[in-house]
C-alpha atoms as a PDB file:
ATOM      1  CA  MET A   1      11.939  10.674  -9.033  1.00  0.00           C
ATOM      2  CA  LEU A   2      14.604  10.265 -10.915  1.00  0.00           C
ATOM      3  CA  ASN A   3      15.825  12.877  -9.223  1.00  0.00           C
ATOM      4  CA  PHE A   4      16.248  11.070  -6.484  1.00  0.00           C
ATOM      5  CA  GLY A   5      16.414   7.665  -8.192  1.00  0.00           C
ATOM      6  CA  LEU A   6      13.064   6.623  -8.388  1.00  0.00           C
ATOM      7  CA  THR A   7      12.244   4.857 -11.916  1.00  0.00           C
ATOM      8  CA  GLU A   8       9.319   2.532 -11.883  1.00  0.00           C
ATOM      9  CA  MET A   9       5.937   4.858 -11.760  1.00  0.00           C
ATOM     10  CA  ARG A  10       2.795   2.924 -11.459  1.00  0.00           C
ATOM     11  CA  LEU A  11      -0.642   4.814 -12.662  1.00  0.00           C
ATOM     12  CA  ILE A  12      -4.003   4.039 -11.199  1.00  0.00           C
ATOM     13  CA  ASP A  13      -6.570   4.816 -13.425  1.00  0.00           C
ATOM     14  CA  PRO A  14      -4.835   7.725 -14.940  1.00  0.00           C
ATOM     15  CA  GLN A  15      -7.577  11.026 -16.347  1.00  0.00           C
ATOM     16  CA  ALA A  16      -4.787  12.185 -18.833  1.00  0.00           C
ATOM     17  CA  ASN A  17      -2.301  10.943 -20.962  1.00  0.00           C
ATOM     18  CA  TRP A  18       1.102  10.876 -19.503  1.00  0.00           C
ATOM     19  CA  LEU A  19       2.813  10.846 -22.805  1.00  0.00           C
ATOM     20  CA  ASP A  20       1.682  14.047 -24.213  1.00  0.00           C
ATOM     21  CA  SER A  21       3.685  16.883 -25.246  1.00  0.00           C
ATOM     22  CA  ASP A  22       2.789  18.668 -22.362  1.00  0.00           C
ATOM     23  CA  ALA A  23       3.783  16.112 -19.424  1.00  0.00           C
ATOM     24  CA  ARG A  24       6.733  15.364 -21.468  1.00  0.00           C
ATOM     25  CA  ALA A  25       7.421  19.054 -21.349  1.00  0.00           C
ATOM     26  CA  LEU A  26       6.779  19.217 -17.393  1.00  0.00           C
ATOM     27  CA  SER A  27       9.010  15.884 -17.188  1.00  0.00           C
ATOM     28  CA  ALA A  28      12.398  18.135 -17.762  1.00  0.00           C
ATOM     29  CA  SER A  29      13.606  15.528 -19.346  1.00  0.00           C
ATOM     30  CA  ALA A  30      12.962  12.652 -17.289  1.00  0.00           C
ATOM     31  CA  ASP A  31      11.094  10.742 -20.227  1.00  0.00           C
ATOM     32  CA  SER A  32      12.022   7.591 -19.266  1.00  0.00           C
ATOM     33  CA  ILE A  33      10.227   7.488 -16.024  1.00  0.00           C
ATOM     34  CA  LEU A  34       6.887   8.205 -18.274  1.00  0.00           C
ATOM     35  CA  GLU A  35       8.026   5.814 -21.145  1.00  0.00           C
ATOM     36  CA  LYS A  36       8.196   3.462 -18.440  1.00  0.00           C
ATOM     37  CA  ALA A  37       5.256   3.995 -16.377  1.00  0.00           C
ATOM     38  CA  VAL A  38       2.675   0.765 -15.853  1.00  0.00           C
ATOM     39  CA  VAL A  39      -1.058   1.636 -15.626  1.00  0.00           C
ATOM     40  CA  PHE A  40      -3.212  -0.503 -13.607  1.00  0.00           C
ATOM     41  CA  LYS A  41      -7.107   0.137 -13.538  1.00  0.00           C
ATOM     42  CA  THR A  42      -7.303  -0.565  -9.628  1.00  0.00           C
ATOM     43  CA  PRO A  43      -4.993  -0.547  -6.325  1.00  0.00           C
ATOM     44  CA  GLN A  44      -5.393  -4.147  -5.658  1.00  0.00           C
ATOM     45  CA  GLU A  45      -3.701  -4.660  -9.320  1.00  0.00           C
ATOM     46  CA  ALA A  46      -1.249  -2.258  -9.237  1.00  0.00           C
ATOM     47  CA  PHE A  47       0.001  -3.648  -5.622  1.00  0.00           C
ATOM     48  CA  ALA A  48      -0.100  -7.340  -6.348  1.00  0.00           C
ATOM     49  CA  ASP A  49       3.442  -8.082  -6.633  1.00  0.00           C
ATOM     50  CA  LEU A  50       4.455  -5.872  -3.838  1.00  0.00           C
ATOM     51  CA  GLN A  51       5.309  -6.605  -0.442  1.00  0.00           C
ATOM     52  CA  GLY A  52       4.736  -3.371   1.781  1.00  0.00           C
ATOM     53  CA  ILE A  53       2.724  -0.116   0.895  1.00  0.00           C
ATOM     54  CA  TYR A  54       2.977   2.794   2.660  1.00  0.00           C
ATOM     55  CA  ALA A  55       0.251   5.920   2.180  1.00  0.00           C
ATOM     56  CA  THR A  56       0.955   9.211   1.982  1.00  0.00           C
ATOM     57  CA  THR A  57      -1.975  11.933   3.686  1.00  0.00           C
ATOM     58  CA  ALA A  58      -1.616  14.399   5.871  1.00  0.00           C
ATOM     59  CA  ARG A  59      -5.584  14.098   6.772  1.00  0.00           C
ATOM     60  CA  PRO A  60      -6.631  11.918  10.267  1.00  0.00           C
ATOM     61  CA  ARG A  61      -8.240   8.912   9.681  1.00  0.00           C
ATOM     62  CA  ASP A  62     -11.135   6.901  11.325  1.00  0.00           C
ATOM     63  CA  MET A  63      -9.045   4.144  11.200  1.00  0.00           C
ATOM     64  CA  ILE A  64      -5.892   2.361  13.181  1.00  0.00           C
ATOM     65  CA  LYS A  65      -2.972   3.064  11.184  1.00  0.00           C
ATOM     66  CA  GLU A  66       0.544   3.674  12.378  1.00  0.00           C
ATOM     67  CA  ALA A  67       1.613   7.091  10.917  1.00  0.00           C
ATOM     68  CA  ILE A  68       5.565   7.794  10.607  1.00  0.00           C
ATOM     69  CA  SER A  69       7.620  10.639   8.993  1.00  0.00           C
ATOM     70  CA  PRO A  70       9.186  10.135   5.568  1.00  0.00           C
ATOM     71  CA  ARG A  71      12.802   9.860   7.166  1.00  0.00           C
ATOM     72  CA  GLU A  72      11.579   7.109   9.527  1.00  0.00           C
ATOM     73  CA  ALA A  73       9.797   5.320   6.387  1.00  0.00           C
ATOM     74  CA  ALA A  74      13.120   5.557   4.596  1.00  0.00           C
ATOM     75  CA  ILE A  75      15.005   3.649   7.076  1.00  0.00           C
ATOM     76  CA  GLU A  76      12.316   0.807   6.879  1.00  0.00           C
ATOM     77  CA  VAL A  77      12.171   1.062   3.074  1.00  0.00           C
ATOM     78  CA  ASN A  78      16.451   0.698   2.789  1.00  0.00           C
ATOM     79  CA  GLU A  79      15.736  -2.093   5.452  1.00  0.00           C
ATOM     80  CA  SER A  80      13.212  -3.848   3.631  1.00  0.00           C
ATOM     81  CA  ILE A  81      14.757  -3.214   0.255  1.00  0.00           C
ATOM     82  CA  ASN A  82      18.136  -4.658   1.279  1.00  0.00           C
ATOM     83  CA  SER A  83      16.025  -8.468   2.318  1.00  0.00           C
ATOM     84  CA  GLY A  84      14.957  -8.504  -1.329  1.00  0.00           C
ATOM     85  CA  LYS A  85      11.301  -6.883  -0.514  1.00  0.00           C
ATOM     86  CA  LYS A  86       9.149  -4.607  -3.203  1.00  0.00           C
ATOM     87  CA  ILE A  87       7.854  -1.644  -1.856  1.00  0.00           C
ATOM     88  CA  GLY A  88       5.343   0.963  -3.151  1.00  0.00           C
ATOM     89  CA  LEU A  89       4.675   4.812  -2.035  1.00  0.00           C
ATOM     90  CA  LEU A  90       1.482   5.411  -3.000  1.00  0.00           C
ATOM     91  CA  PHE A  91       0.489   8.817  -3.481  1.00  0.00           C
ATOM     92  CA  GLY A  92      -3.638  10.254  -4.172  1.00  0.00           C
ATOM     93  CA  SER A  93      -4.586  12.623  -6.836  1.00  0.00           C
ATOM     94  CA  GLU A  94      -3.641  16.243  -6.505  1.00  0.00           C
ATOM     95  CA  LYS A  95      -7.602  16.981  -6.152  1.00  0.00           C
ATOM     96  CA  CYS A  96      -8.463  14.550  -3.485  1.00  0.00           C
ATOM     97  CA  GLY A  97      -6.013  12.871  -2.359  1.00  0.00           C
ATOM     98  CA  LEU A  98      -6.412   9.372  -0.696  1.00  0.00           C
ATOM     99  CA  ASP A  99      -9.600   7.706   0.283  1.00  0.00           C
ATOM    100  CA  ASN A 100      -9.993   5.274   3.143  1.00  0.00           C
ATOM    101  CA  ASP A 101     -10.472   2.359   1.484  1.00  0.00           C
ATOM    102  CA  GLU A 102      -6.893   2.934  -0.440  1.00  0.00           C
ATOM    103  CA  ILE A 103      -5.217   3.836   2.286  1.00  0.00           C
ATOM    104  CA  ALA A 104      -6.458   0.304   4.333  1.00  0.00           C
ATOM    105  CA  LEU A 105      -4.569  -1.748   1.780  1.00  0.00           C
ATOM    106  CA  CYS A 106      -1.591  -0.393   2.973  1.00  0.00           C
ATOM    107  CA  ASP A 107       0.819  -0.630   6.118  1.00  0.00           C
ATOM    108  CA  LYS A 108       1.641   2.475   7.031  1.00  0.00           C
ATOM    109  CA  ILE A 109       1.067   6.047   6.842  1.00  0.00           C
ATOM    110  CA  ILE A 110       3.660   8.625   5.832  1.00  0.00           C
ATOM    111  CA  THR A 111       2.838  12.257   7.241  1.00  0.00           C
ATOM    112  CA  ILE A 112       5.306  15.043   6.332  1.00  0.00           C
ATOM    113  CA  PRO A 113       5.883  17.231   9.604  1.00  0.00           C
ATOM    114  CA  LEU A 114       5.006  20.660   8.629  1.00  0.00           C
ATOM    115  CA  ASN A 115       3.590  23.745  10.373  1.00  0.00           C
ATOM    116  CA  PRO A 116       0.034  22.859  11.526  1.00  0.00           C
ATOM    117  CA  ASP A 117      -1.293  26.244  10.809  1.00  0.00           C
ATOM    118  CA  PHE A 118      -0.267  26.182   6.983  1.00  0.00           C
ATOM    119  CA  SER A 119       0.160  22.346   6.328  1.00  0.00           C
ATOM    120  CA  SER A 120      -1.182  22.220   2.905  1.00  0.00           C
ATOM    121  CA  ILE A 121       1.374  21.247   0.120  1.00  0.00           C
ATOM    122  CA  ASN A 122       0.662  19.717  -3.673  1.00  0.00           C
ATOM    123  CA  LEU A 123       1.230  16.570  -5.053  1.00  0.00           C
ATOM    124  CA  ALA A 124       4.455  17.519  -6.502  1.00  0.00           C
ATOM    125  CA  GLN A 125       5.857  19.009  -3.220  1.00  0.00           C
ATOM    126  CA  ALA A 126       4.506  15.943  -1.403  1.00  0.00           C
ATOM    127  CA  VAL A 127       6.342  13.658  -3.906  1.00  0.00           C
ATOM    128  CA  ILE A 128       9.915  15.249  -3.754  1.00  0.00           C
ATOM    129  CA  LEU A 129       9.956  15.295   0.198  1.00  0.00           C
ATOM    130  CA  VAL A 130       9.431  12.093   0.300  1.00  0.00           C
ATOM    131  CA  SER A 131      11.470  10.866  -2.490  1.00  0.00           C
ATOM    132  CA  TYR A 132      14.399  12.930  -1.154  1.00  0.00           C
ATOM    133  CA  GLU A 133      14.082  11.315   2.261  1.00  0.00           C
ATOM    134  CA  MET A 134      13.961   7.838   0.593  1.00  0.00           C
ATOM    135  CA  TYR A 135      17.431   8.616  -1.405  1.00  0.00           C
ATOM    136  CA  GLN A 136      19.080   9.779   1.393  1.00  0.00           C
ATOM    137  CA  GLY A 137      17.807   6.787   3.408  1.00  0.00           C
ATOM    138  CA  CYS A 138      19.390   4.558   0.961  1.00  0.00           C
ATOM    139  CA  GLN A 139      22.775   6.633   0.663  1.00  0.00           C
ATOM    140  CA  ASN A 140      23.570   6.441   4.324  1.00  0.00           C
ATOM    141  CA  ALA A 141      22.033   3.836   5.746  1.00  0.00           C
ATOM    142  CA  PRO A 142      24.253   0.587   5.640  1.00  0.00           C
ATOM    143  CA  ALA A 143      22.455  -3.045   4.736  1.00  0.00           C
ATOM    144  CA  ARG A 144      21.266  -4.501   8.262  1.00  0.00           C
ATOM    145  CA  ASP A 145      20.897  -8.398   9.402  1.00  0.00           C
ATOM    146  CA  VAL A 146      16.871  -9.316   8.673  1.00  0.00           C
ATOM    147  CA  LEU A 147      15.194 -12.036  10.444  1.00  0.00           C
ATOM    148  CA  TRP A 148      13.235 -12.797   7.703  1.00  0.00           C
ATOM    149  CA  GLU A 149      14.377 -16.099   5.716  1.00  0.00           C
ATOM    150  CA  ARG A 150      14.003 -16.218   1.850  1.00  0.00           C
ATOM    151  CA  ASP A 151      11.134 -18.841   2.066  1.00  0.00           C
ATOM    152  CA  ASP A 152       9.121 -16.667   4.811  1.00  0.00           C
ATOM    153  CA  GLN A 153       8.993 -13.400   2.927  1.00  0.00           C
ATOM    154  CA  GLU A 154       5.941 -11.040   3.814  1.00  0.00           C
ATOM    155  CA  ALA A 155       3.263 -12.090   1.441  1.00  0.00           C
ATOM    156  CA  PRO A 156       2.820 -10.505  -1.929  1.00  0.00           C
ATOM    157  CA  ARG A 157      -0.878  -8.078  -2.017  1.00  0.00           C
ATOM    158  CA  GLU A 158      -2.013 -10.746  -4.573  1.00  0.00           C
ATOM    159  CA  GLU A 159      -2.030 -13.174  -1.972  1.00  0.00           C
ATOM    160  CA  LEU A 160      -3.722 -10.768   0.768  1.00  0.00           C
ATOM    161  CA  PHE A 161      -6.577 -10.195  -1.651  1.00  0.00           C
ATOM    162  CA  GLY A 162      -7.017 -13.551  -2.334  1.00  0.00           C
ATOM    163  CA  PHE A 163      -7.243 -13.959   1.551  1.00  0.00           C
ATOM    164  CA  TYR A 164      -9.742 -10.693   1.626  1.00  0.00           C
ATOM    165  CA  LYS A 165     -12.155 -12.096  -0.905  1.00  0.00           C
ATOM    166  CA  HIS A 166     -12.165 -15.574   0.886  1.00  0.00           C
ATOM    167  CA  LEU A 167     -12.622 -14.312   4.311  1.00  0.00           C
ATOM    168  CA  GLU A 168     -15.380 -12.008   3.216  1.00  0.00           C
ATOM    169  CA  GLY A 169     -17.087 -14.508   1.193  1.00  0.00           C
ATOM    170  CA  ALA A 170     -17.019 -16.588   4.477  1.00  0.00           C
ATOM    171  CA  LEU A 171     -18.409 -13.857   6.524  1.00  0.00           C
ATOM    172  CA  GLU A 172     -21.350 -12.858   3.840  1.00  0.00           C
ATOM    173  CA  LYS A 173     -22.058 -16.657   3.813  1.00  0.00           C
ATOM    174  CA  GLY A 174     -22.378 -17.014   7.462  1.00  0.00           C
ATOM    175  CA  GLY A 175     -24.588 -13.522   7.910  1.00  0.00           C
ATOM    176  CA  TYR A 176     -22.115 -11.227   9.518  1.00  0.00           C
ATOM    177  CA  PHE A 177     -22.672  -8.503   7.458  1.00  0.00           C
ATOM    178  CA  GLN A 178     -26.070  -7.722   8.148  1.00  0.00           C
ATOM    179  CA  VAL A 179     -26.474  -4.238   8.102  1.00  0.00           C
ATOM    180  CA  ASP A 180     -25.870  -2.931   4.325  1.00  0.00           C
ATOM    181  CA  HIS A 181     -24.855   0.229   5.097  1.00  0.00           C
ATOM    182  CA  LYS A 182     -22.330  -0.515   7.446  1.00  0.00           C
ATOM    183  CA  ARG A 183     -20.607  -3.372   4.972  1.00  0.00           C
ATOM    184  CA  GLU A 184     -18.086  -1.386   3.301  1.00  0.00           C
ATOM    185  CA  LEU A 185     -16.954   0.148   6.828  1.00  0.00           C
ATOM    186  CA  MET A 186     -16.561  -3.482   8.265  1.00  0.00           C
ATOM    187  CA  GLN A 187     -14.719  -4.894   5.272  1.00  0.00           C
ATOM    188  CA  ARG A 188     -12.615  -1.920   5.148  1.00  0.00           C
ATOM    189  CA  ASN A 189     -11.912  -2.118   8.919  1.00  0.00           C
ATOM    190  CA  LEU A 190     -10.917  -6.013   8.595  1.00  0.00           C
ATOM    191  CA  ARG A 191      -8.867  -5.027   5.691  1.00  0.00           C
ATOM    192  CA  ASN A 192      -6.792  -2.271   7.861  1.00  0.00           C
ATOM    193  CA  MET A 193      -6.746  -4.819  10.224  1.00  0.00           C
ATOM    194  CA  PHE A 194      -4.762  -7.658   8.508  1.00  0.00           C
ATOM    195  CA  SER A 195      -2.779  -5.229   6.890  1.00  0.00           C
ATOM    196  CA  ARG A 196      -1.066  -3.882  10.093  1.00  0.00           C
ATOM    197  CA  ALA A 197      -0.165  -7.650  10.323  1.00  0.00           C
ATOM    198  CA  SER A 198       2.708  -7.955   7.735  1.00  0.00           C
ATOM    199  CA  MET A 199       1.941 -11.712   7.435  1.00  0.00           C
ATOM    200  CA  THR A 200       4.082 -14.237   5.163  1.00  0.00           C
ATOM    201  CA  SER A 201       2.337 -16.564   2.351  1.00  0.00           C
ATOM    202  CA  GLN A 202       2.914 -19.452   4.691  1.00  0.00           C
ATOM    203  CA  GLU A 203       0.674 -17.640   7.446  1.00  0.00           C
ATOM    204  CA  VAL A 204      -2.163 -16.576   5.098  1.00  0.00           C
ATOM    205  CA  ARG A 205      -2.497 -19.819   3.498  1.00  0.00           C
ATOM    206  CA  SER A 206      -2.667 -20.951   7.228  1.00  0.00           C
ATOM    207  CA  LEU A 207      -5.562 -18.459   7.805  1.00  0.00           C
ATOM    208  CA  ARG A 208      -7.133 -19.600   4.500  1.00  0.00           C
ATOM    209  CA  GLY A 209      -7.094 -23.382   5.519  1.00  0.00           C
ATOM    210  CA  VAL A 210      -8.764 -21.741   9.279  1.00  0.00           C
ATOM    211  CA  ILE A 211     -11.344 -20.287   7.271  1.00  0.00           C
ATOM    212  CA  THR A 212     -11.889 -23.422   5.079  1.00  0.00           C
ATOM    213  CA  ALA A 213     -12.037 -25.452   8.374  1.00  0.00           C
ATOM    214  CA  LEU A 214     -14.598 -22.982   9.820  1.00  0.00           C
ATOM    215  CA  THR A 215     -17.063 -23.088   7.305  1.00  0.00           C
ATOM    216  CA  ARG A 216     -16.854 -26.710   6.993  1.00  0.00           C
ATOM    217  CA  SER A 217     -17.369 -26.851  10.493  1.00  0.00           C
ATOM    218  CA  GLY A 218     -20.018 -25.087  10.207  1.00  0.00           C
ATOM    219  CA  GLU A 219     -21.797 -26.692   7.300  1.00  0.00           C
ATOM    220  CA  ASP A 220     -21.603 -30.038   9.215  1.00  0.00           C
ATOM    221  CA  LEU A 221     -23.396 -28.714  12.392  1.00  0.00           C
ATOM    222  CA  GLY A 222     -26.327 -27.390  10.046  1.00  0.00           C
ATOM    223  CA  LYS A 223     -27.124 -30.977   8.910  1.00  0.00           C
END
């Protein structure tokens, strides 16, 4: 990370001590990254203040999600940073990578183009390849004009998570989740759909107002 100018690391439910002697030795004098690392229990907590998230995975998924190369992602991330957004790059664990629920919370997938007959790389290799492209993108790409006005920035993830909770609560009350074993898949598909929409804070508030109005209307009709 430090080689390529990435200095903010967020750890989600880490299973090891990132400040022990082994971790410091492996960091090769990049202790500052470890010392400033922030720990979160869940992805939702880690994403709360971000306005864009890219998941890194090589495996095909049973959901619609745009997949782009690290170089393409670097261009988009550079544009987002220039417009004042906070962007996150999500990597899975060494053992099992990312699961579908985590990916559903992200905007796009970063897939590293590799030899299809031998495409397995480890976590450190994935991080360095993506970090390299991010650094090159920020170095080479000029600042670009963007259409976002400051008051219409893409909504932070915390607002989206509140919207998901509101929507799923209303759907639960309305009997949408009738088949228990399909509930998680249905929730994941809904979250994935809205995460691709890149909604502003105002759009999130508008949709929550729609849910409230529809819920109230349904209650009135039932009287």
